[in-house]
Amino acid sequence: MTTQLNSKTITYEQLAKVIDHSLLKPEMTEAEVIAGCELAKKYQVASVCAKPADVPLCVGILKGSGVAVGAVVGFPHGSSTTAVKVYEAQDAIANGAEELDMVMNIGALRSGKYDYVREDIRAVVAVAKPQGILIKVILENAYLTDEQKVKACQLVEEAGADFVKTSTGYAPSGATLEDVRLMRRTVSPHIQVKCAGGVRTLPALLDMIDAGVTRSGATTTATMLDDFKKLHP
């Protein structure tokens, strides 16, 4: 059962552990990835969300820090074959990733190929979950109707993943409160909700928490957490 957080009573430590610090911009240099990991360590966030090639670097920096390393799978379009997604997941885990953010096959979902979508996710779950790896599935809501969002959430839960996630942050739009509330209503209490894309201020993050998220992708991590400290010295 997921413990629902409340923006009125949340502590700094709880808020920091909502954040997955995003290191996904394609142009990021190695120095910028290192700086991002050091920031994540300083602020004690939940994880960094890294590109597969950067996982070994991030693991080396964050080992023993209490900050997990997550990797993306099938990013950003979800259009890799299932075999490629499985290999990418296995490779990331072998390199030390503890969490996976995989992109659902968006076109297949929109085409009504529900069995394919479910089994695509289930194949990644099958290699990750026995090793205790958290699996978050990105729906990319910008391209979906509300009915499709609901169906996608149901398929993710049926496939055995841990989270439904709103967005990659690289589509025309990102997380909305309406989508988060819809997703939270659709899945069971043991499935968690992650938002991503456009959550850049402390008030926006707190609103998302009240709507039901337990994780949020972020690039403005330091600003949001520093602002919280100013309000709660």
C-alpha atoms as a PDB file:
ATOM      1  CA  MET A   1       0.000   0.000   0.000  1.00  0.00           C
ATOM      2  CA  THR A   2       1.391   3.383  -1.002  1.00  0.00           C
ATOM      3  CA  THR A   3       1.609   5.960   1.787  1.00  0.00           C
ATOM      4  CA  GLN A   4      -0.011   9.166   0.570  1.00  0.00           C
ATOM      5  CA  LEU A   5       2.021  12.275   1.322  1.00  0.00           C
ATOM      6  CA  ASN A   6       0.483  15.612   2.268  1.00  0.00           C
ATOM      7  CA  SER A   7       1.961  18.962   1.274  1.00  0.00           C
ATOM      8  CA  LYS A   8       0.915  20.497   4.600  1.00  0.00           C
ATOM      9  CA  THR A   9       2.796  17.992   6.742  1.00  0.00           C
ATOM     10  CA  ILE A  10       5.600  16.809   4.457  1.00  0.00           C
ATOM     11  CA  THR A  11       9.135  17.047   5.814  1.00  0.00           C
ATOM     12  CA  TYR A  12      12.223  18.074   3.869  1.00  0.00           C
ATOM     13  CA  GLU A  13      13.494  14.487   3.915  1.00  0.00           C
ATOM     14  CA  GLN A  14      10.194  13.167   2.559  1.00  0.00           C
ATOM     15  CA  LEU A  15      10.081  15.830  -0.150  1.00  0.00           C
ATOM     16  CA  ALA A  16      13.639  15.109  -1.265  1.00  0.00           C
ATOM     17  CA  LYS A  17      12.765  11.424  -1.600  1.00  0.00           C
ATOM     18  CA  VAL A  18       9.953  12.301  -4.014  1.00  0.00           C
ATOM     19  CA  ILE A  19      12.469  13.627  -6.537  1.00  0.00           C
ATOM     20  CA  ASP A  20      14.169  11.687  -9.310  1.00  0.00           C
ATOM     21  CA  HIS A  21      16.816  14.146 -10.503  1.00  0.00           C
ATOM     22  CA  SER A  22      16.779  14.018 -14.296  1.00  0.00           C
ATOM     23  CA  LEU A  23      20.044  13.653 -16.227  1.00  0.00           C
ATOM     24  CA  LEU A  24      18.456  12.888 -19.583  1.00  0.00           C
ATOM     25  CA  LYS A  25      19.201  15.857 -21.825  1.00  0.00           C
ATOM     26  CA  PRO A  26      20.930  14.420 -24.898  1.00  0.00           C
ATOM     27  CA  GLU A  27      23.601  17.125 -24.968  1.00  0.00           C
ATOM     28  CA  MET A  28      24.776  16.657 -21.379  1.00  0.00           C
ATOM     29  CA  THR A  29      28.538  16.359 -21.025  1.00  0.00           C
ATOM     30  CA  GLU A  30      30.226  13.946 -18.656  1.00  0.00           C
ATOM     31  CA  ALA A  31      31.085  16.877 -16.395  1.00  0.00           C
ATOM     32  CA  GLU A  32      27.413  17.858 -16.258  1.00  0.00           C
ATOM     33  CA  VAL A  33      26.381  14.304 -15.397  1.00  0.00           C
ATOM     34  CA  ILE A  34      28.956  14.223 -12.593  1.00  0.00           C
ATOM     35  CA  ALA A  35      27.695  17.579 -11.291  1.00  0.00           C
ATOM     36  CA  GLY A  36      24.127  16.263 -11.395  1.00  0.00           C
ATOM     37  CA  CYS A  37      25.085  13.224  -9.343  1.00  0.00           C
ATOM     38  CA  GLU A  38      26.878  15.399  -6.781  1.00  0.00           C
ATOM     39  CA  LEU A  39      23.788  17.610  -6.533  1.00  0.00           C
ATOM     40  CA  ALA A  40      21.582  14.551  -6.033  1.00  0.00           C
ATOM     41  CA  LYS A  41      23.915  13.339  -3.297  1.00  0.00           C
ATOM     42  CA  LYS A  42      23.982  16.736  -1.577  1.00  0.00           C
ATOM     43  CA  TYR A  43      20.184  17.042  -1.524  1.00  0.00           C
ATOM     44  CA  GLN A  44      19.598  13.320  -0.794  1.00  0.00           C
ATOM     45  CA  VAL A  45      16.930  12.854  -3.440  1.00  0.00           C
ATOM     46  CA  ALA A  46      15.419   9.465  -4.263  1.00  0.00           C
ATOM     47  CA  SER A  47      17.406   8.843  -7.416  1.00  0.00           C
ATOM     48  CA  VAL A  48      19.051  10.162 -10.524  1.00  0.00           C
ATOM     49  CA  CYS A  49      17.367   9.168 -13.775  1.00  0.00           C
ATOM     50  CA  ALA A  50      20.168   8.570 -16.251  1.00  0.00           C
ATOM     51  CA  LYS A  51      20.754   7.615 -19.860  1.00  0.00           C
ATOM     52  CA  PRO A  52      21.917   4.000 -20.196  1.00  0.00           C
ATOM     53  CA  ALA A  53      25.465   4.932 -21.228  1.00  0.00           C
ATOM     54  CA  ASP A  54      25.849   7.071 -18.095  1.00  0.00           C
ATOM     55  CA  VAL A  55      24.719   4.425 -15.606  1.00  0.00           C
ATOM     56  CA  PRO A  56      28.203   3.101 -14.731  1.00  0.00           C
ATOM     57  CA  LEU A  57      29.473   6.644 -14.117  1.00  0.00           C
ATOM     58  CA  CYS A  58      26.486   7.506 -11.923  1.00  0.00           C
ATOM     59  CA  VAL A  59      26.742   4.263  -9.971  1.00  0.00           C
ATOM     60  CA  GLY A  60      30.402   4.942  -9.229  1.00  0.00           C
ATOM     61  CA  ILE A  61      29.634   8.413  -7.877  1.00  0.00           C
ATOM     62  CA  LEU A  62      26.517   7.501  -5.904  1.00  0.00           C
ATOM     63  CA  LYS A  63      27.554   4.172  -4.389  1.00  0.00           C
ATOM     64  CA  GLY A  64      26.739   4.171  -0.675  1.00  0.00           C
ATOM     65  CA  SER A  65      25.118   7.620  -0.837  1.00  0.00           C
ATOM     66  CA  GLY A  66      21.497   6.561  -0.312  1.00  0.00           C
ATOM     67  CA  VAL A  67      20.624   7.905  -3.768  1.00  0.00           C
ATOM     68  CA  ALA A  68      19.569   5.249  -6.279  1.00  0.00           C
ATOM     69  CA  VAL A  69      20.539   5.194  -9.935  1.00  0.00           C
ATOM     70  CA  GLY A  70      17.704   4.746 -12.399  1.00  0.00           C
ATOM     71  CA  ALA A  71      17.998   4.154 -16.139  1.00  0.00           C
ATOM     72  CA  VAL A  72      15.613   4.780 -18.998  1.00  0.00           C
ATOM     73  CA  VAL A  73      14.525   1.962 -21.312  1.00  0.00           C
ATOM     74  CA  GLY A  74      13.103   2.470 -24.800  1.00  0.00           C
ATOM     75  CA  PHE A  75      13.571   6.203 -24.314  1.00  0.00           C
ATOM     76  CA  PRO A  76      12.074   8.514 -25.451  1.00  0.00           C
ATOM     77  CA  HIS A  77       9.590   7.014 -27.937  1.00  0.00           C
ATOM     78  CA  GLY A  78       8.962   3.506 -26.640  1.00  0.00           C
ATOM     79  CA  SER A  79       9.310   2.114 -30.138  1.00  0.00           C
ATOM     80  CA  SER A  80      12.143  -0.377 -29.646  1.00  0.00           C
ATOM     81  CA  THR A  81      11.238  -4.035 -30.006  1.00  0.00           C
ATOM     82  CA  THR A  82      10.509  -5.960 -26.837  1.00  0.00           C
ATOM     83  CA  ALA A  83      13.786  -7.882 -27.197  1.00  0.00           C
ATOM     84  CA  VAL A  84      15.742  -4.624 -27.331  1.00  0.00           C
ATOM     85  CA  LYS A  85      13.924  -3.253 -24.272  1.00  0.00           C
ATOM     86  CA  VAL A  86      14.666  -6.465 -22.369  1.00  0.00           C
ATOM     87  CA  TYR A  87      18.345  -6.316 -23.307  1.00  0.00           C
ATOM     88  CA  GLU A  88      18.516  -2.625 -22.392  1.00  0.00           C
ATOM     89  CA  ALA A  89      16.961  -3.411 -19.006  1.00  0.00           C
ATOM     90  CA  GLN A  90      19.376  -6.310 -18.401  1.00  0.00           C
ATOM     91  CA  ASP A  91      22.352  -4.181 -19.390  1.00  0.00           C
ATOM     92  CA  ALA A  92      21.304  -1.305 -17.123  1.00  0.00           C
ATOM     93  CA  ILE A  93      20.806  -3.684 -14.191  1.00  0.00           C
ATOM     94  CA  ALA A  94      24.191  -5.335 -14.847  1.00  0.00           C
ATOM     95  CA  ASN A  95      25.729  -1.852 -14.746  1.00  0.00           C
ATOM     96  CA  GLY A  96      24.160  -1.163 -11.343  1.00  0.00           C
ATOM     97  CA  ALA A  97      20.807   0.508 -12.046  1.00  0.00           C
ATOM     98  CA  GLU A  98      18.261  -0.037  -9.281  1.00  0.00           C
ATOM     99  CA  GLU A  99      15.269   1.511 -11.049  1.00  0.00           C
ATOM    100  CA  LEU A 100      14.009   1.512 -14.646  1.00  0.00           C
ATOM    101  CA  ASP A 101      11.817   4.094 -16.361  1.00  0.00           C
ATOM    102  CA  MET A 102      10.585   2.361 -19.511  1.00  0.00           C
ATOM    103  CA  VAL A 103       8.514   3.938 -22.244  1.00  0.00           C
ATOM    104  CA  MET A 104       5.371   2.101 -23.282  1.00  0.00           C
ATOM    105  CA  ASN A 105       4.915   1.455 -26.995  1.00  0.00           C
ATOM    106  CA  ILE A 106       2.766   4.528 -27.593  1.00  0.00           C
ATOM    107  CA  GLY A 107       1.773   3.727 -31.166  1.00  0.00           C
ATOM    108  CA  ALA A 108       0.737   0.192 -30.243  1.00  0.00           C
ATOM    109  CA  LEU A 109      -1.477   1.499 -27.442  1.00  0.00           C
ATOM    110  CA  ARG A 110      -3.098   4.030 -29.766  1.00  0.00           C
ATOM    111  CA  SER A 111      -3.619   1.236 -32.311  1.00  0.00           C
ATOM    112  CA  GLY A 112      -5.543  -0.847 -29.786  1.00  0.00           C
ATOM    113  CA  LYS A 113      -2.831  -3.547 -29.620  1.00  0.00           C
ATOM    114  CA  TYR A 114      -3.380  -4.008 -25.912  1.00  0.00           C
ATOM    115  CA  ASP A 115      -1.965  -7.529 -25.616  1.00  0.00           C
ATOM    116  CA  TYR A 116       1.253  -6.370 -27.274  1.00  0.00           C
ATOM    117  CA  VAL A 117       1.577  -3.393 -24.929  1.00  0.00           C
ATOM    118  CA  ARG A 118       0.966  -5.524 -21.843  1.00  0.00           C
ATOM    119  CA  GLU A 119       3.434  -8.228 -22.879  1.00  0.00           C
ATOM    120  CA  ASP A 120       6.062  -5.639 -23.877  1.00  0.00           C
ATOM    121  CA  ILE A 121       5.960  -4.283 -20.325  1.00  0.00           C
ATOM    122  CA  ARG A 122       5.671  -7.717 -18.746  1.00  0.00           C
ATOM    123  CA  ALA A 123       8.866  -8.862 -20.482  1.00  0.00           C
ATOM    124  CA  VAL A 124      10.855  -6.068 -18.817  1.00  0.00           C
ATOM    125  CA  VAL A 125       9.136  -6.698 -15.492  1.00  0.00           C
ATOM    126  CA  ALA A 126      10.143 -10.378 -15.745  1.00  0.00           C
ATOM    127  CA  VAL A 127      13.862  -9.579 -15.889  1.00  0.00           C
ATOM    128  CA  ALA A 128      13.799  -6.709 -13.411  1.00  0.00           C
ATOM    129  CA  LYS A 129      11.371  -7.497 -10.623  1.00  0.00           C
ATOM    130  CA  PRO A 130      13.025 -10.737  -9.414  1.00  0.00           C
ATOM    131  CA  GLN A 131      16.138  -8.623  -8.771  1.00  0.00           C
ATOM    132  CA  GLY A 132      14.206  -6.051  -6.742  1.00  0.00           C
ATOM    133  CA  ILE A 133      14.361  -3.405  -9.460  1.00  0.00           C
ATOM    134  CA  LEU A 134      11.592  -0.781  -9.470  1.00  0.00           C
ATOM    135  CA  ILE A 135       9.838  -0.426 -12.823  1.00  0.00           C
ATOM    136  CA  LYS A 136       8.104   2.811 -13.826  1.00  0.00           C
ATOM    137  CA  VAL A 137       6.206   2.825 -17.109  1.00  0.00           C
ATOM    138  CA  ILE A 138       5.939   6.084 -19.049  1.00  0.00           C
ATOM    139  CA  LEU A 139       2.625   6.495 -20.862  1.00  0.00           C
ATOM    140  CA  GLU A 140       3.453   9.788 -22.640  1.00  0.00           C
ATOM    141  CA  ASN A 141       0.039  11.298 -21.996  1.00  0.00           C
ATOM    142  CA  ALA A 142       0.543  14.131 -24.489  1.00  0.00           C
ATOM    143  CA  TYR A 143      -0.378  11.684 -27.243  1.00  0.00           C
ATOM    144  CA  LEU A 144      -3.276   9.900 -25.502  1.00  0.00           C
ATOM    145  CA  THR A 145      -6.965  10.507 -24.918  1.00  0.00           C
ATOM    146  CA  ASP A 146      -8.293  10.117 -21.378  1.00  0.00           C
ATOM    147  CA  GLU A 147      -9.711   6.716 -22.350  1.00  0.00           C
ATOM    148  CA  GLN A 148      -6.322   5.641 -23.642  1.00  0.00           C
ATOM    149  CA  LYS A 149      -4.621   6.874 -20.474  1.00  0.00           C
ATOM    150  CA  VAL A 150      -6.996   4.751 -18.393  1.00  0.00           C
ATOM    151  CA  LYS A 151      -6.401   1.691 -20.565  1.00  0.00           C
ATOM    152  CA  ALA A 152      -2.644   2.208 -20.425  1.00  0.00           C
ATOM    153  CA  CYS A 153      -2.731   2.397 -16.613  1.00  0.00           C
ATOM    154  CA  GLN A 154      -4.710  -0.840 -16.490  1.00  0.00           C
ATOM    155  CA  LEU A 155      -2.234  -2.592 -18.788  1.00  0.00           C
ATOM    156  CA  VAL A 156       0.741  -1.405 -16.712  1.00  0.00           C
ATOM    157  CA  GLU A 157      -0.852  -2.797 -13.573  1.00  0.00           C
ATOM    158  CA  GLU A 158      -1.720  -6.084 -15.274  1.00  0.00           C
ATOM    159  CA  ALA A 159       1.903  -6.382 -16.428  1.00  0.00           C
ATOM    160  CA  GLY A 160       3.165  -6.118 -12.834  1.00  0.00           C
ATOM    161  CA  ALA A 161       5.075  -2.819 -12.930  1.00  0.00           C
ATOM    162  CA  ASP A 162       5.410  -0.584  -9.872  1.00  0.00           C
ATOM    163  CA  PHE A 163       4.608   2.889 -11.237  1.00  0.00           C
ATOM    164  CA  VAL A 164       2.632   4.622 -13.929  1.00  0.00           C
ATOM    165  CA  LYS A 165       4.403   7.766 -15.138  1.00  0.00           C
ATOM    166  CA  THR A 166       2.916  10.680 -17.031  1.00  0.00           C
ATOM    167  CA  SER A 167       5.625  11.704 -19.470  1.00  0.00           C
ATOM    168  CA  THR A 168       9.204  11.593 -20.693  1.00  0.00           C
ATOM    169  CA  GLY A 169       9.557  15.366 -20.521  1.00  0.00           C
ATOM    170  CA  TYR A 170      10.379  15.352 -24.243  1.00  0.00           C
ATOM    171  CA  ALA A 171       6.862  15.402 -25.740  1.00  0.00           C
ATOM    172  CA  PRO A 172       4.843  18.538 -26.622  1.00  0.00           C
ATOM    173  CA  SER A 173       3.483  18.655 -23.057  1.00  0.00           C
ATOM    174  CA  GLY A 174       4.247  17.078 -19.715  1.00  0.00           C
ATOM    175  CA  ALA A 175       2.495  16.334 -16.455  1.00  0.00           C
ATOM    176  CA  THR A 176      -0.859  17.861 -15.557  1.00  0.00           C
ATOM    177  CA  LEU A 177      -2.785  17.646 -12.305  1.00  0.00           C
ATOM    178  CA  GLU A 178      -5.801  16.305 -14.189  1.00  0.00           C
ATOM    179  CA  ASP A 179      -3.749  13.438 -15.608  1.00  0.00           C
ATOM    180  CA  VAL A 180      -2.199  12.600 -12.251  1.00  0.00           C
ATOM    181  CA  ARG A 181      -5.622  12.487 -10.588  1.00  0.00           C
ATOM    182  CA  LEU A 182      -6.973  10.296 -13.390  1.00  0.00           C
ATOM    183  CA  MET A 183      -4.036   7.899 -13.109  1.00  0.00           C
ATOM    184  CA  ARG A 184      -4.267   7.763  -9.320  1.00  0.00           C
ATOM    185  CA  ARG A 185      -7.988   6.920  -9.553  1.00  0.00           C
ATOM    186  CA  THR A 186      -7.377   4.248 -12.174  1.00  0.00           C
ATOM    187  CA  VAL A 187      -4.673   2.145 -10.548  1.00  0.00           C
ATOM    188  CA  SER A 188      -4.780   0.180  -7.307  1.00  0.00           C
ATOM    189  CA  PRO A 189      -3.300   1.644  -4.110  1.00  0.00           C
ATOM    190  CA  HIS A 190      -0.150  -0.480  -4.419  1.00  0.00           C
ATOM    191  CA  ILE A 191       0.696   1.081  -7.810  1.00  0.00           C
ATOM    192  CA  GLN A 192       2.463   4.432  -7.494  1.00  0.00           C
ATOM    193  CA  VAL A 193       2.262   7.481  -9.750  1.00  0.00           C
ATOM    194  CA  LYS A 194       5.210   9.492 -11.048  1.00  0.00           C
ATOM    195  CA  CYS A 195       4.945  12.827 -12.823  1.00  0.00           C
ATOM    196  CA  ALA A 196       7.521  14.324 -15.170  1.00  0.00           C
ATOM    197  CA  GLY A 197       7.763  17.239 -17.528  1.00  0.00           C
ATOM    198  CA  GLY A 198       7.132  20.825 -16.485  1.00  0.00           C
ATOM    199  CA  VAL A 199       7.198  20.413 -12.686  1.00  0.00           C
ATOM    200  CA  ARG A 200       9.729  23.160 -12.014  1.00  0.00           C
ATOM    201  CA  THR A 201       8.555  25.042  -8.915  1.00  0.00           C
ATOM    202  CA  LEU A 202       7.919  24.079  -5.307  1.00  0.00           C
ATOM    203  CA  PRO A 203       4.184  24.942  -5.473  1.00  0.00           C
ATOM    204  CA  ALA A 204       3.811  22.818  -8.611  1.00  0.00           C
ATOM    205  CA  LEU A 205       5.563  19.888  -6.933  1.00  0.00           C
ATOM    206  CA  LEU A 206       3.446  20.163  -3.788  1.00  0.00           C
ATOM    207  CA  ASP A 207       0.275  20.261  -5.900  1.00  0.00           C
ATOM    208  CA  MET A 208       1.390  17.084  -7.656  1.00  0.00           C
ATOM    209  CA  ILE A 209       2.005  15.399  -4.295  1.00  0.00           C
ATOM    210  CA  ASP A 210      -1.493  16.300  -3.144  1.00  0.00           C
ATOM    211  CA  ALA A 211      -2.852  14.883  -6.414  1.00  0.00           C
ATOM    212  CA  GLY A 212      -1.231  11.550  -5.617  1.00  0.00           C
ATOM    213  CA  VAL A 213       2.347  11.374  -6.904  1.00  0.00           C
ATOM    214  CA  THR A 214       5.080   9.747  -4.848  1.00  0.00           C
ATOM    215  CA  ARG A 215       7.860  10.473  -7.365  1.00  0.00           C
ATOM    216  CA  SER A 216       8.523  13.402  -9.659  1.00  0.00           C
ATOM    217  CA  GLY A 217      11.131  13.900 -12.311  1.00  0.00           C
ATOM    218  CA  ALA A 218      12.939  17.210 -11.874  1.00  0.00           C
ATOM    219  CA  THR A 219      15.728  19.321 -13.281  1.00  0.00           C
ATOM    220  CA  THR A 220      15.184  22.266 -10.897  1.00  0.00           C
ATOM    221  CA  THR A 221      15.820  20.081  -7.860  1.00  0.00           C
ATOM    222  CA  ALA A 222      18.052  22.519  -5.997  1.00  0.00           C
ATOM    223  CA  THR A 223      15.689  25.466  -6.463  1.00  0.00           C
ATOM    224  CA  MET A 224      12.641  23.546  -5.243  1.00  0.00           C
ATOM    225  CA  LEU A 225      14.345  22.067  -2.192  1.00  0.00           C
ATOM    226  CA  ASP A 226      16.075  25.328  -1.288  1.00  0.00           C
ATOM    227  CA  ASP A 227      12.709  27.096  -1.494  1.00  0.00           C
ATOM    228  CA  PHE A 228      11.232  24.504   0.868  1.00  0.00           C
ATOM    229  CA  LYS A 229      14.032  25.085   3.363  1.00  0.00           C
ATOM    230  CA  LYS A 230      13.398  28.833   3.275  1.00  0.00           C
ATOM    231  CA  LEU A 231       9.736  28.230   4.140  1.00  0.00           C
ATOM    232  CA  HIS A 232      10.595  25.628   6.812  1.00  0.00           C
ATOM    233  CA  PRO A 233      13.879  26.775   8.395  1.00  0.00           C
END
